Amino acid sequence: MSDEFSELRIDYDSEGLDVATAPEDPTELLRAWVQASRAAGDIEPHAMTLATATTEGVPSARIVLLRGLDERGLSFFTNYTSRKGEELDGNPRAALAFYWPRFHRQVRVEGHVGRVPSEESDAYFASRPRDSRIGAWASPQSEVLADREELLRRVREAEARFGDVVPRPPHWGGYRLAPTRFEFWQGKPSRLHDRIVYSRASANDGVFSRTRLAP
């Protein structure tokens, strides 16, 4: 075993997390942790790993940005024809993971995923910078490109096609993960971490149960 990574260690000494004092609504705690990271100056406190799988169960993961959080779930936006879009359409179960090393915290979320209504996708797309809207038209996300010049040519073509108003492409929009499970992890000394799980049978059940897991 290489010592390059095996000797990397840090002892966590952070505020604890307890079932009795944790809020009943897990989205409330998630929002508080994201806001704490933002207040501390982290660049992208809303960055999260999205894990998807094919219908055969082959997994893949990437970082996306949280763009909505409410009682319905967690939403993000992407190209429907990308690898993650195709996997979500074929296998609408996914997991999300947040990590804030400054606070020794992570959150895992699991549930079912579906596309958000077109009005939500339209509203978010309209709020994006124009260059990002052009990029959504120009990039055939996850497809093979001959070189970078091919991508830049597609950008120029999209620039010439649209004026100030750039509509949302039909292949681009939002997904929402309706959670059935949250796990909040708070690092503690000696690797005796706090782990609190919120779970419910389905996204239609309004109440989450709360339990503690061994670290």
N, C-alpha and C. Protein backbone atom coordinates (compact mmCIF):
# COMPACT_ATOMS: atom_id res chain seq x y z
N MET A 1 0.84 -1.19 0.00
CA MET A 1 0.00 0.00 0.00
C MET A 1 0.88 1.25 0.00
N SER A 2 0.56 2.21 -0.85
CA SER A 2 1.32 3.44 -0.93
C SER A 2 1.06 4.32 0.29
N ASP A 3 2.13 4.95 0.81
CA ASP A 3 1.99 5.87 1.93
C ASP A 3 1.47 7.22 1.49
N GLU A 4 1.38 7.43 0.17
CA GLU A 4 0.97 8.74 -0.35
C GLU A 4 -0.37 9.17 0.20
N PHE A 5 -1.31 8.23 0.35
CA PHE A 5 -2.64 8.55 0.84
C PHE A 5 -2.94 7.93 2.20
N SER A 6 -2.32 6.81 2.52
CA SER A 6 -2.65 6.11 3.76
C SER A 6 -2.28 6.92 5.00
N GLU A 7 -1.33 7.84 4.87
CA GLU A 7 -0.91 8.64 6.02
C GLU A 7 -1.65 9.97 6.13
N LEU A 8 -2.55 10.24 5.20
CA LEU A 8 -3.33 11.48 5.27
C LEU A 8 -4.44 11.31 6.28
N ARG A 9 -4.40 12.08 7.36
CA ARG A 9 -5.41 11.96 8.41
C ARG A 9 -5.70 13.32 9.02
N ILE A 10 -6.93 13.50 9.45
CA ILE A 10 -7.32 14.68 10.19
C ILE A 10 -8.33 14.24 11.24
N ASP A 11 -8.24 14.80 12.44
CA ASP A 11 -9.18 14.45 13.49
C ASP A 11 -10.30 15.48 13.50
N TYR A 12 -11.52 15.00 13.44
CA TYR A 12 -12.67 15.89 13.38
C TYR A 12 -13.11 16.29 14.80
N ASP A 13 -13.36 17.58 14.98
CA ASP A 13 -13.84 18.07 16.27
C ASP A 13 -14.89 19.13 16.00
N SER A 14 -16.13 18.69 15.85
CA SER A 14 -17.20 19.58 15.44
C SER A 14 -18.41 19.41 16.35
N GLU A 15 -19.33 20.34 16.19
CA GLU A 15 -20.59 20.28 16.94
C GLU A 15 -21.32 18.99 16.63
N GLY A 16 -21.94 18.38 17.63
CA GLY A 16 -22.61 17.11 17.45
C GLY A 16 -23.96 17.22 16.77
N LEU A 17 -24.50 16.06 16.43
CA LEU A 17 -25.80 15.96 15.78
C LEU A 17 -26.59 14.88 16.50
N ASP A 18 -27.80 15.23 16.95
CA ASP A 18 -28.58 14.31 17.77
C ASP A 18 -30.00 14.17 17.24
N VAL A 19 -30.54 12.96 17.32
CA VAL A 19 -31.90 12.71 16.84
C VAL A 19 -32.91 13.58 17.57
N ALA A 20 -32.75 13.74 18.87
CA ALA A 20 -33.74 14.45 19.68
C ALA A 20 -33.85 15.92 19.32
N THR A 21 -32.76 16.53 18.89
CA THR A 21 -32.78 17.96 18.59
C THR A 21 -32.78 18.27 17.09
N ALA A 22 -32.63 17.25 16.25
CA ALA A 22 -32.66 17.47 14.80
C ALA A 22 -34.07 17.86 14.38
N PRO A 23 -34.22 18.77 13.41
CA PRO A 23 -35.55 19.17 12.97
C PRO A 23 -36.32 18.01 12.36
N GLU A 24 -37.66 18.08 12.42
CA GLU A 24 -38.49 17.02 11.85
C GLU A 24 -38.37 16.96 10.33
N ASP A 25 -38.16 18.11 9.71
CA ASP A 25 -38.06 18.19 8.25
C ASP A 25 -36.60 18.16 7.84
N PRO A 26 -36.15 17.13 7.14
CA PRO A 26 -34.73 17.05 6.76
C PRO A 26 -34.31 18.15 5.81
N THR A 27 -35.24 18.68 5.01
CA THR A 27 -34.84 19.77 4.10
C THR A 27 -34.46 21.02 4.88
N GLU A 28 -35.03 21.19 6.06
CA GLU A 28 -34.67 22.32 6.91
C GLU A 28 -33.22 22.24 7.34
N LEU A 29 -32.79 21.03 7.74
CA LEU A 29 -31.40 20.84 8.15
C LEU A 29 -30.45 20.95 6.96
N LEU A 30 -30.83 20.39 5.82
CA LEU A 30 -30.00 20.50 4.63
C LEU A 30 -29.83 21.97 4.24
N ARG A 31 -30.90 22.72 4.24
CA ARG A 31 -30.82 24.14 3.89
C ARG A 31 -29.89 24.89 4.85
N ALA A 32 -29.97 24.57 6.14
CA ALA A 32 -29.12 25.23 7.12
C ALA A 32 -27.65 24.91 6.88
N TRP A 33 -27.35 23.68 6.51
CA TRP A 33 -25.95 23.31 6.27
C TRP A 33 -25.41 23.96 5.00
N VAL A 34 -26.24 24.05 3.95
CA VAL A 34 -25.81 24.75 2.74
C VAL A 34 -25.57 26.22 3.04
N GLN A 35 -26.46 26.85 3.78
CA GLN A 35 -26.32 28.26 4.11
C GLN A 35 -25.10 28.51 4.99
N ALA A 36 -24.79 27.60 5.90
CA ALA A 36 -23.60 27.75 6.72
C ALA A 36 -22.34 27.71 5.87
N SER A 37 -22.31 26.82 4.89
CA SER A 37 -21.17 26.73 3.98
C SER A 37 -21.04 28.01 3.15
N ARG A 38 -22.18 28.51 2.70
CA ARG A 38 -22.16 29.75 1.91
C ARG A 38 -21.67 30.93 2.76
N ALA A 39 -22.17 31.03 3.99
CA ALA A 39 -21.77 32.13 4.87
C ALA A 39 -20.28 32.08 5.20
N ALA A 40 -19.71 30.87 5.20
CA ALA A 40 -18.29 30.72 5.49
C ALA A 40 -17.41 31.06 4.29
N GLY A 41 -18.03 31.31 3.14
CA GLY A 41 -17.27 31.71 1.97
C GLY A 41 -16.93 30.61 0.99
N ASP A 42 -17.52 29.42 1.15
CA ASP A 42 -17.27 28.36 0.19
C ASP A 42 -17.79 28.76 -1.19
N ILE A 43 -17.06 28.39 -2.23
CA ILE A 43 -17.38 28.87 -3.58
C ILE A 43 -18.69 28.31 -4.10
N GLU A 44 -18.89 27.02 -3.98
CA GLU A 44 -20.12 26.38 -4.48
C GLU A 44 -20.68 25.47 -3.40
N PRO A 45 -21.30 26.04 -2.38
CA PRO A 45 -21.83 25.22 -1.29
C PRO A 45 -22.98 24.32 -1.72
N HIS A 46 -23.56 24.61 -2.89
CA HIS A 46 -24.69 23.84 -3.39
C HIS A 46 -24.27 22.78 -4.41
N ALA A 47 -22.97 22.54 -4.53
CA ALA A 47 -22.49 21.48 -5.42
C ALA A 47 -22.79 20.12 -4.80
N MET A 48 -23.23 19.18 -5.63
CA MET A 48 -23.59 17.85 -5.13
C MET A 48 -23.24 16.80 -6.17
N THR A 49 -22.84 15.64 -5.70
CA THR A 49 -22.59 14.51 -6.58
C THR A 49 -23.92 13.85 -6.91
N LEU A 50 -24.18 13.65 -8.19
CA LEU A 50 -25.37 12.94 -8.65
C LEU A 50 -24.95 11.58 -9.17
N ALA A 51 -25.45 10.52 -8.55
CA ALA A 51 -25.16 9.16 -8.98
C ALA A 51 -26.38 8.57 -9.66
N THR A 52 -26.20 8.07 -10.87
CA THR A 52 -27.26 7.43 -11.63
C THR A 52 -26.80 6.05 -12.06
N ALA A 53 -27.68 5.29 -12.67
CA ALA A 53 -27.31 3.96 -13.16
C ALA A 53 -28.13 3.63 -14.39
N THR A 54 -27.59 2.78 -15.23
CA THR A 54 -28.31 2.31 -16.40
C THR A 54 -29.37 1.30 -15.97
N THR A 55 -30.18 0.88 -16.91
CA THR A 55 -31.18 -0.15 -16.60
C THR A 55 -30.51 -1.47 -16.22
N GLU A 56 -29.23 -1.65 -16.61
CA GLU A 56 -28.49 -2.86 -16.23
C GLU A 56 -27.78 -2.69 -14.89
N GLY A 57 -27.89 -1.50 -14.29
CA GLY A 57 -27.28 -1.27 -12.99
C GLY A 57 -25.86 -0.75 -13.03
N VAL A 58 -25.38 -0.32 -14.21
CA VAL A 58 -24.02 0.23 -14.30
C VAL A 58 -24.04 1.67 -13.80
N PRO A 59 -23.29 2.00 -12.75
CA PRO A 59 -23.38 3.33 -12.15
C PRO A 59 -22.48 4.36 -12.81
N SER A 60 -22.82 5.62 -12.62
CA SER A 60 -21.94 6.72 -12.99
C SER A 60 -22.26 7.89 -12.07
N ALA A 61 -21.29 8.78 -11.89
CA ALA A 61 -21.49 9.90 -10.97
C ALA A 61 -20.79 11.14 -11.52
N ARG A 62 -21.33 12.31 -11.17
CA ARG A 62 -20.76 13.58 -11.58
C ARG A 62 -21.27 14.67 -10.64
N ILE A 63 -20.66 15.84 -10.70
CA ILE A 63 -21.07 16.96 -9.86
C ILE A 63 -22.08 17.82 -10.62
N VAL A 64 -23.19 18.15 -9.98
CA VAL A 64 -24.17 19.09 -10.52
C VAL A 64 -24.47 20.11 -9.42
N LEU A 65 -25.26 21.13 -9.75
CA LEU A 65 -25.58 22.17 -8.78
C LEU A 65 -27.05 22.11 -8.36
N LEU A 66 -27.27 22.17 -7.06
CA LEU A 66 -28.63 22.23 -6.53
C LEU A 66 -29.25 23.57 -6.92
N ARG A 67 -30.43 23.51 -7.56
CA ARG A 67 -31.08 24.74 -8.00
C ARG A 67 -32.45 24.94 -7.36
N GLY A 68 -32.95 23.96 -6.64
CA GLY A 68 -34.23 24.10 -5.97
C GLY A 68 -34.34 23.12 -4.82
N LEU A 69 -34.90 23.58 -3.69
CA LEU A 69 -35.08 22.72 -2.53
C LEU A 69 -36.36 23.12 -1.83
N ASP A 70 -37.34 22.21 -1.82
CA ASP A 70 -38.59 22.46 -1.10
C ASP A 70 -39.20 21.12 -0.71
N GLU A 71 -40.47 21.15 -0.31
CA GLU A 71 -41.11 19.92 0.16
C GLU A 71 -41.24 18.87 -0.94
N ARG A 72 -41.12 19.29 -2.21
CA ARG A 72 -41.21 18.34 -3.32
C ARG A 72 -39.90 17.60 -3.56
N GLY A 73 -38.79 18.21 -3.17
CA GLY A 73 -37.51 17.56 -3.37
C GLY A 73 -36.41 18.51 -3.79
N LEU A 74 -35.37 17.95 -4.42
CA LEU A 74 -34.18 18.69 -4.82
C LEU A 74 -34.11 18.70 -6.34
N SER A 75 -33.93 19.87 -6.92
CA SER A 75 -33.95 19.98 -8.38
C SER A 75 -32.61 20.47 -8.94
N PHE A 76 -32.35 20.06 -10.16
CA PHE A 76 -31.16 20.46 -10.92
C PHE A 76 -31.53 20.44 -12.39
N PHE A 77 -30.66 21.02 -13.22
CA PHE A 77 -30.98 21.16 -14.64
C PHE A 77 -29.84 20.63 -15.50
N THR A 78 -30.22 20.10 -16.67
CA THR A 78 -29.22 19.50 -17.54
C THR A 78 -29.80 19.27 -18.93
N ASN A 79 -28.99 18.71 -19.79
CA ASN A 79 -29.40 18.29 -21.13
C ASN A 79 -30.08 16.91 -21.01
N TYR A 80 -31.31 16.80 -21.48
CA TYR A 80 -32.04 15.53 -21.39
C TYR A 80 -31.35 14.40 -22.14
N THR A 81 -30.58 14.75 -23.18
CA THR A 81 -29.94 13.71 -24.01
C THR A 81 -28.52 13.39 -23.55
N SER A 82 -28.09 14.00 -22.45
CA SER A 82 -26.77 13.67 -21.90
C SER A 82 -26.79 12.27 -21.30
N ARG A 83 -25.64 11.80 -20.88
CA ARG A 83 -25.58 10.46 -20.28
C ARG A 83 -26.46 10.39 -19.05
N LYS A 84 -26.37 11.39 -18.18
CA LYS A 84 -27.18 11.35 -16.96
C LYS A 84 -28.65 11.47 -17.28
N GLY A 85 -29.00 12.27 -18.29
CA GLY A 85 -30.40 12.40 -18.68
C GLY A 85 -30.97 11.09 -19.19
N GLU A 86 -30.22 10.43 -20.04
CA GLU A 86 -30.69 9.15 -20.59
C GLU A 86 -30.79 8.09 -19.49
N GLU A 87 -29.83 8.09 -18.56
CA GLU A 87 -29.90 7.11 -17.48
C GLU A 87 -31.08 7.38 -16.56
N LEU A 88 -31.34 8.66 -16.27
CA LEU A 88 -32.48 9.00 -15.41
C LEU A 88 -33.81 8.65 -16.07
N ASP A 89 -33.90 8.85 -17.37
CA ASP A 89 -35.13 8.51 -18.07
C ASP A 89 -35.35 7.00 -18.11
N GLY A 90 -34.26 6.24 -18.19
CA GLY A 90 -34.39 4.78 -18.24
C GLY A 90 -34.48 4.13 -16.87
N ASN A 91 -33.89 4.76 -15.88
CA ASN A 91 -33.86 4.22 -14.52
C ASN A 91 -34.01 5.40 -13.55
N PRO A 92 -35.23 5.80 -13.23
CA PRO A 92 -35.46 7.04 -12.48
C PRO A 92 -35.23 6.95 -10.98
N ARG A 93 -34.17 6.27 -10.59
CA ARG A 93 -33.74 6.23 -9.19
C ARG A 93 -32.33 6.80 -9.15
N ALA A 94 -32.06 7.64 -8.15
CA ALA A 94 -30.76 8.28 -8.10
C ALA A 94 -30.38 8.60 -6.66
N ALA A 95 -29.12 8.98 -6.48
CA ALA A 95 -28.62 9.39 -5.17
C ALA A 95 -27.82 10.67 -5.34
N LEU A 96 -27.86 11.51 -4.30
CA LEU A 96 -27.10 12.75 -4.27
C LEU A 96 -26.20 12.74 -3.05
N ALA A 97 -25.07 13.42 -3.13
CA ALA A 97 -24.18 13.54 -1.97
C ALA A 97 -23.58 14.94 -1.93
N PHE A 98 -23.67 15.57 -0.77
CA PHE A 98 -23.03 16.86 -0.52
C PHE A 98 -21.85 16.62 0.43
N TYR A 99 -20.81 17.46 0.29
CA TYR A 99 -19.67 17.36 1.20
C TYR A 99 -19.12 18.75 1.45
N TRP A 100 -19.00 19.10 2.74
CA TRP A 100 -18.44 20.38 3.14
C TRP A 100 -17.27 20.13 4.09
N PRO A 101 -16.04 20.00 3.56
CA PRO A 101 -14.89 19.64 4.39
C PRO A 101 -14.60 20.64 5.50
N ARG A 102 -14.94 21.91 5.28
CA ARG A 102 -14.70 22.92 6.30
C ARG A 102 -15.41 22.57 7.61
N PHE A 103 -16.62 22.00 7.48
CA PHE A 103 -17.44 21.69 8.65
C PHE A 103 -17.45 20.19 8.99
N HIS A 104 -16.69 19.39 8.23
CA HIS A 104 -16.68 17.94 8.44
C HIS A 104 -18.10 17.38 8.35
N ARG A 105 -18.79 17.75 7.28
CA ARG A 105 -20.18 17.35 7.11
C ARG A 105 -20.41 16.78 5.72
N GLN A 106 -21.29 15.80 5.65
CA GLN A 106 -21.80 15.34 4.36
C GLN A 106 -23.26 14.93 4.53
N VAL A 107 -23.97 14.98 3.40
CA VAL A 107 -25.37 14.57 3.36
C VAL A 107 -25.56 13.68 2.15
N ARG A 108 -26.25 12.56 2.36
CA ARG A 108 -26.62 11.65 1.26
C ARG A 108 -28.13 11.66 1.13
N VAL A 109 -28.62 11.70 -0.11
CA VAL A 109 -30.05 11.74 -0.38
C VAL A 109 -30.36 10.69 -1.45
N GLU A 110 -31.44 9.93 -1.25
CA GLU A 110 -31.85 8.92 -2.22
C GLU A 110 -33.33 9.09 -2.52
N GLY A 111 -33.72 8.74 -3.75
CA GLY A 111 -35.12 8.83 -4.10
C GLY A 111 -35.37 8.61 -5.58
N HIS A 112 -36.58 8.95 -5.99
CA HIS A 112 -37.00 8.81 -7.39
C HIS A 112 -36.92 10.17 -8.07
N VAL A 113 -36.59 10.14 -9.36
CA VAL A 113 -36.36 11.36 -10.11
C VAL A 113 -37.33 11.47 -11.27
N GLY A 114 -37.84 12.67 -11.50
CA GLY A 114 -38.69 12.94 -12.66
C GLY A 114 -38.42 14.35 -13.18
N ARG A 115 -38.84 14.61 -14.39
CA ARG A 115 -38.65 15.95 -14.96
C ARG A 115 -39.57 16.96 -14.29
N VAL A 116 -39.07 18.17 -14.10
CA VAL A 116 -39.91 19.22 -13.54
C VAL A 116 -40.83 19.74 -14.64
N PRO A 117 -41.94 20.41 -14.29
CA PRO A 117 -42.83 20.97 -15.32
C PRO A 117 -42.08 21.95 -16.23
N SER A 118 -42.53 22.04 -17.47
CA SER A 118 -41.84 22.88 -18.45
C SER A 118 -41.78 24.34 -18.02
N GLU A 119 -42.79 24.81 -17.27
CA GLU A 119 -42.77 26.21 -16.83
C GLU A 119 -41.58 26.46 -15.90
N GLU A 120 -41.26 25.51 -15.05
CA GLU A 120 -40.11 25.67 -14.16
C GLU A 120 -38.81 25.70 -14.95
N SER A 121 -38.71 24.81 -15.93
CA SER A 121 -37.50 24.79 -16.76
C SER A 121 -37.37 26.09 -17.55
N ASP A 122 -38.49 26.59 -18.09
CA ASP A 122 -38.46 27.86 -18.83
C ASP A 122 -38.00 29.00 -17.94
N ALA A 123 -38.52 29.06 -16.73
CA ALA A 123 -38.19 30.16 -15.82
C ALA A 123 -36.72 30.13 -15.43
N TYR A 124 -36.20 28.94 -15.14
CA TYR A 124 -34.80 28.87 -14.76
C TYR A 124 -33.90 29.17 -15.95
N PHE A 125 -34.24 28.64 -17.12
CA PHE A 125 -33.42 28.88 -18.30
C PHE A 125 -33.34 30.37 -18.60
N ALA A 126 -34.45 31.07 -18.46
CA ALA A 126 -34.48 32.52 -18.74
C ALA A 126 -33.60 33.30 -17.77
N SER A 127 -33.34 32.73 -16.58
CA SER A 127 -32.52 33.43 -15.58
C SER A 127 -31.03 33.24 -15.82
N ARG A 128 -30.66 32.36 -16.71
CA ARG A 128 -29.24 32.07 -16.95
C ARG A 128 -28.61 33.16 -17.81
N PRO A 129 -27.29 33.37 -17.68
CA PRO A 129 -26.61 34.31 -18.58
C PRO A 129 -26.78 33.89 -20.03
N ARG A 130 -26.75 34.85 -20.93
CA ARG A 130 -27.00 34.54 -22.34
C ARG A 130 -25.99 33.53 -22.88
N ASP A 131 -24.72 33.65 -22.49
CA ASP A 131 -23.70 32.71 -22.97
C ASP A 131 -24.03 31.28 -22.56
N SER A 132 -24.59 31.12 -21.37
CA SER A 132 -24.96 29.78 -20.92
C SER A 132 -26.15 29.26 -21.71
N ARG A 133 -27.08 30.15 -22.05
CA ARG A 133 -28.23 29.74 -22.86
C ARG A 133 -27.78 29.33 -24.27
N ILE A 134 -26.84 30.09 -24.83
CA ILE A 134 -26.29 29.73 -26.14
C ILE A 134 -25.58 28.38 -26.06
N GLY A 135 -24.84 28.17 -24.98
CA GLY A 135 -24.12 26.92 -24.81
C GLY A 135 -25.03 25.71 -24.76
N ALA A 136 -26.23 25.90 -24.18
CA ALA A 136 -27.18 24.79 -24.12
C ALA A 136 -27.64 24.37 -25.51
N TRP A 137 -27.72 25.31 -26.43
CA TRP A 137 -28.07 25.00 -27.82
C TRP A 137 -26.87 24.40 -28.57
N ALA A 138 -25.68 24.91 -28.26
CA ALA A 138 -24.50 24.55 -29.06
C ALA A 138 -23.92 23.18 -28.71
N SER A 139 -24.00 22.80 -27.43
CA SER A 139 -23.31 21.58 -27.01
C SER A 139 -24.18 20.35 -27.12
N PRO A 140 -23.76 19.36 -27.91
CA PRO A 140 -24.45 18.06 -27.93
C PRO A 140 -23.93 17.22 -26.78
N GLN A 141 -24.31 17.55 -25.58
CA GLN A 141 -23.68 17.04 -24.37
C GLN A 141 -23.53 15.52 -24.38
N SER A 142 -22.34 15.08 -24.02
CA SER A 142 -21.94 13.67 -23.90
C SER A 142 -21.66 13.01 -25.25
N GLU A 143 -21.85 13.72 -26.36
CA GLU A 143 -21.52 13.16 -27.66
C GLU A 143 -20.05 13.43 -28.00
N VAL A 144 -19.49 12.63 -28.91
CA VAL A 144 -18.09 12.78 -29.30
C VAL A 144 -17.92 14.00 -30.20
N LEU A 145 -16.87 14.80 -29.93
CA LEU A 145 -16.51 15.94 -30.77
C LEU A 145 -15.19 15.65 -31.46
N ALA A 146 -15.05 16.13 -32.70
CA ALA A 146 -13.79 15.95 -33.41
C ALA A 146 -12.67 16.73 -32.73
N ASP A 147 -12.98 17.94 -32.29
CA ASP A 147 -12.02 18.80 -31.60
C ASP A 147 -12.78 19.97 -30.99
N ARG A 148 -12.07 20.86 -30.30
CA ARG A 148 -12.74 22.00 -29.67
C ARG A 148 -13.30 22.96 -30.70
N GLU A 149 -12.66 23.05 -31.85
CA GLU A 149 -13.14 23.95 -32.88
C GLU A 149 -14.55 23.58 -33.33
N GLU A 150 -14.87 22.29 -33.34
CA GLU A 150 -16.23 21.91 -33.70
C GLU A 150 -17.23 22.51 -32.72
N LEU A 151 -16.90 22.48 -31.43
CA LEU A 151 -17.79 23.06 -30.42
C LEU A 151 -17.92 24.56 -30.62
N LEU A 152 -16.79 25.25 -30.86
CA LEU A 152 -16.83 26.69 -31.05
C LEU A 152 -17.59 27.07 -32.31
N ARG A 153 -17.50 26.24 -33.34
CA ARG A 153 -18.29 26.49 -34.55
C ARG A 153 -19.78 26.40 -34.24
N ARG A 154 -20.16 25.43 -33.45
CA ARG A 154 -21.57 25.29 -33.08
C ARG A 154 -22.03 26.49 -32.25
N VAL A 155 -21.13 27.02 -31.41
CA VAL A 155 -21.46 28.22 -30.64
C VAL A 155 -21.70 29.40 -31.58
N ARG A 156 -20.83 29.57 -32.56
CA ARG A 156 -21.00 30.68 -33.51
C ARG A 156 -22.31 30.55 -34.27
N GLU A 157 -22.66 29.34 -34.64
CA GLU A 157 -23.92 29.12 -35.36
C GLU A 157 -25.12 29.47 -34.48
N ALA A 158 -25.05 29.11 -33.21
CA ALA A 158 -26.15 29.44 -32.30
C ALA A 158 -26.21 30.94 -32.06
N GLU A 159 -25.06 31.59 -31.96
CA GLU A 159 -25.01 33.04 -31.80
C GLU A 159 -25.68 33.74 -32.97
N ALA A 160 -25.43 33.25 -34.17
CA ALA A 160 -26.01 33.86 -35.36
C ALA A 160 -27.50 33.58 -35.47
N ARG A 161 -27.94 32.49 -34.90
CA ARG A 161 -29.34 32.09 -35.00
C ARG A 161 -30.25 32.91 -34.11
N PHE A 162 -29.75 33.27 -32.91
CA PHE A 162 -30.60 33.93 -31.93
C PHE A 162 -30.16 35.36 -31.67
N GLY A 163 -31.13 36.20 -31.34
CA GLY A 163 -30.84 37.56 -30.92
C GLY A 163 -30.71 37.61 -29.41
N ASP A 164 -31.32 38.64 -28.81
CA ASP A 164 -31.25 38.77 -27.36
C ASP A 164 -32.08 37.71 -26.65
N VAL A 165 -33.14 37.26 -27.30
CA VAL A 165 -34.02 36.25 -26.71
C VAL A 165 -33.56 34.86 -27.17
N VAL A 166 -33.10 34.06 -26.21
CA VAL A 166 -32.66 32.70 -26.51
C VAL A 166 -33.63 31.75 -25.80
N PRO A 167 -34.51 31.08 -26.54
CA PRO A 167 -35.49 30.20 -25.89
C PRO A 167 -34.84 28.93 -25.36
N ARG A 168 -35.53 28.28 -24.47
CA ARG A 168 -35.02 27.01 -23.93
C ARG A 168 -35.07 25.92 -25.00
N PRO A 169 -33.97 25.19 -25.19
CA PRO A 169 -34.00 24.08 -26.15
C PRO A 169 -34.95 22.98 -25.66
N PRO A 170 -35.59 22.28 -26.57
CA PRO A 170 -36.50 21.20 -26.15
C PRO A 170 -35.78 20.05 -25.48
N HIS A 171 -34.46 19.96 -25.67
CA HIS A 171 -33.68 18.87 -25.09
C HIS A 171 -33.05 19.24 -23.75
N TRP A 172 -33.46 20.35 -23.17
CA TRP A 172 -32.82 20.85 -21.95
C TRP A 172 -33.87 21.20 -20.91
N GLY A 173 -33.63 20.83 -19.64
CA GLY A 173 -34.59 21.17 -18.60
C GLY A 173 -34.22 20.60 -17.26
N GLY A 174 -35.17 20.61 -16.35
CA GLY A 174 -34.89 20.23 -14.97
C GLY A 174 -35.38 18.86 -14.58
N TYR A 175 -34.73 18.32 -13.57
CA TYR A 175 -35.17 17.09 -12.90
C TYR A 175 -35.34 17.40 -11.42
N ARG A 176 -36.23 16.66 -10.78
CA ARG A 176 -36.39 16.78 -9.33
C ARG A 176 -36.30 15.41 -8.69
N LEU A 177 -35.45 15.29 -7.68
CA LEU A 177 -35.37 14.04 -6.92
C LEU A 177 -36.31 14.17 -5.73
N ALA A 178 -37.32 13.29 -5.69
CA ALA A 178 -38.26 13.24 -4.57
C ALA A 178 -37.68 12.28 -3.54
N PRO A 179 -37.20 12.76 -2.41
CA PRO A 179 -36.41 11.92 -1.50
C PRO A 179 -37.24 10.95 -0.67
N THR A 180 -36.67 9.77 -0.49
CA THR A 180 -37.21 8.79 0.47
C THR A 180 -36.24 8.57 1.62
N ARG A 181 -35.01 9.08 1.48
CA ARG A 181 -34.00 8.89 2.53
C ARG A 181 -32.98 10.03 2.50
N PHE A 182 -32.70 10.57 3.68
CA PHE A 182 -31.60 11.51 3.89
C PHE A 182 -30.68 10.89 4.95
N GLU A 183 -29.39 11.04 4.76
CA GLU A 183 -28.46 10.71 5.84
C GLU A 183 -27.54 11.90 6.08
N PHE A 184 -27.54 12.39 7.30
CA PHE A 184 -26.68 13.50 7.70
C PHE A 184 -25.50 12.95 8.50
N TRP A 185 -24.30 13.33 8.08
CA TRP A 185 -23.07 12.81 8.68
C TRP A 185 -22.28 13.99 9.23
N GLN A 186 -21.98 13.94 10.51
CA GLN A 186 -21.17 14.98 11.15
C GLN A 186 -19.92 14.34 11.72
N GLY A 187 -18.76 14.76 11.23
CA GLY A 187 -17.51 14.19 11.69
C GLY A 187 -17.24 14.51 13.15
N LYS A 188 -16.73 13.51 13.89
CA LYS A 188 -16.43 13.65 15.31
C LYS A 188 -15.07 13.01 15.60
N PRO A 189 -14.49 13.33 16.76
CA PRO A 189 -13.17 12.76 17.09
C PRO A 189 -13.17 11.24 17.13
N SER A 190 -11.99 10.66 16.86
CA SER A 190 -11.75 9.21 16.93
C SER A 190 -12.63 8.43 15.96
N ARG A 191 -13.10 9.08 14.93
CA ARG A 191 -13.96 8.46 13.92
C ARG A 191 -15.29 7.98 14.50
N LEU A 192 -15.70 8.52 15.63
CA LEU A 192 -16.99 8.18 16.23
C LEU A 192 -18.01 9.22 15.77
N HIS A 193 -18.27 9.21 14.48
CA HIS A 193 -19.08 10.24 13.85
C HIS A 193 -20.56 10.11 14.20
N ASP A 194 -21.27 11.22 14.07
CA ASP A 194 -22.73 11.21 14.21
C ASP A 194 -23.36 10.97 12.84
N ARG A 195 -24.28 10.01 12.78
CA ARG A 195 -25.02 9.71 11.54
C ARG A 195 -26.50 9.63 11.88
N ILE A 196 -27.28 10.54 11.30
CA ILE A 196 -28.72 10.59 11.52
C ILE A 196 -29.42 10.32 10.19
N VAL A 197 -30.32 9.35 10.16
CA VAL A 197 -31.05 8.99 8.95
C VAL A 197 -32.51 9.40 9.07
N TYR A 198 -33.01 10.06 8.04
CA TYR A 198 -34.44 10.33 7.87
C TYR A 198 -34.93 9.41 6.76
N SER A 199 -36.00 8.68 6.99
CA SER A 199 -36.49 7.77 5.95
C SER A 199 -38.01 7.73 5.95
N ARG A 200 -38.55 7.38 4.78
CA ARG A 200 -39.99 7.18 4.62
C ARG A 200 -40.19 6.18 3.49
N ALA A 201 -41.34 5.54 3.48
CA ALA A 201 -41.58 4.46 2.52
C ALA A 201 -41.60 4.97 1.09
N SER A 202 -42.19 6.15 0.86
CA SER A 202 -42.27 6.70 -0.48
C SER A 202 -42.30 8.21 -0.38
N ALA A 203 -42.10 8.87 -1.53
CA ALA A 203 -42.10 10.33 -1.56
C ALA A 203 -43.47 10.90 -1.24
N ASN A 204 -44.51 10.08 -1.33
CA ASN A 204 -45.87 10.55 -1.03
C ASN A 204 -46.17 10.55 0.46
N ASP A 205 -45.34 9.86 1.24
CA ASP A 205 -45.51 9.88 2.69
C ASP A 205 -44.94 11.18 3.23
N GLY A 206 -45.74 11.90 4.00
CA GLY A 206 -45.29 13.21 4.43
C GLY A 206 -44.31 13.21 5.58
N VAL A 207 -44.30 12.16 6.40
CA VAL A 207 -43.52 12.16 7.63
C VAL A 207 -42.29 11.27 7.50
N PHE A 208 -41.15 11.81 7.89
CA PHE A 208 -39.91 11.03 7.95
C PHE A 208 -39.70 10.50 9.36
N SER A 209 -39.23 9.28 9.48
CA SER A 209 -38.77 8.78 10.78
C SER A 209 -37.29 9.10 10.90
N ARG A 210 -36.80 9.20 12.14
CA ARG A 210 -35.40 9.56 12.38
C ARG A 210 -34.74 8.49 13.24
N THR A 211 -33.56 8.06 12.82
CA THR A 211 -32.81 7.06 13.57
C THR A 211 -31.32 7.41 13.54
N ARG A 212 -30.60 6.88 14.49
CA ARG A 212 -29.14 7.06 14.54
C ARG A 212 -28.46 5.78 14.04
N LEU A 213 -27.41 5.94 13.26
CA LEU A 213 -26.62 4.81 12.79
C LEU A 213 -25.24 4.81 13.44
N ALA A 214 -24.65 3.64 13.58
CA ALA A 214 -23.28 3.54 14.05
C ALA A 214 -22.35 4.16 13.00
N PRO A 215 -21.27 4.80 13.42
CA PRO A 215 -20.38 5.46 12.45
C PRO A 215 -19.61 4.47 11.60
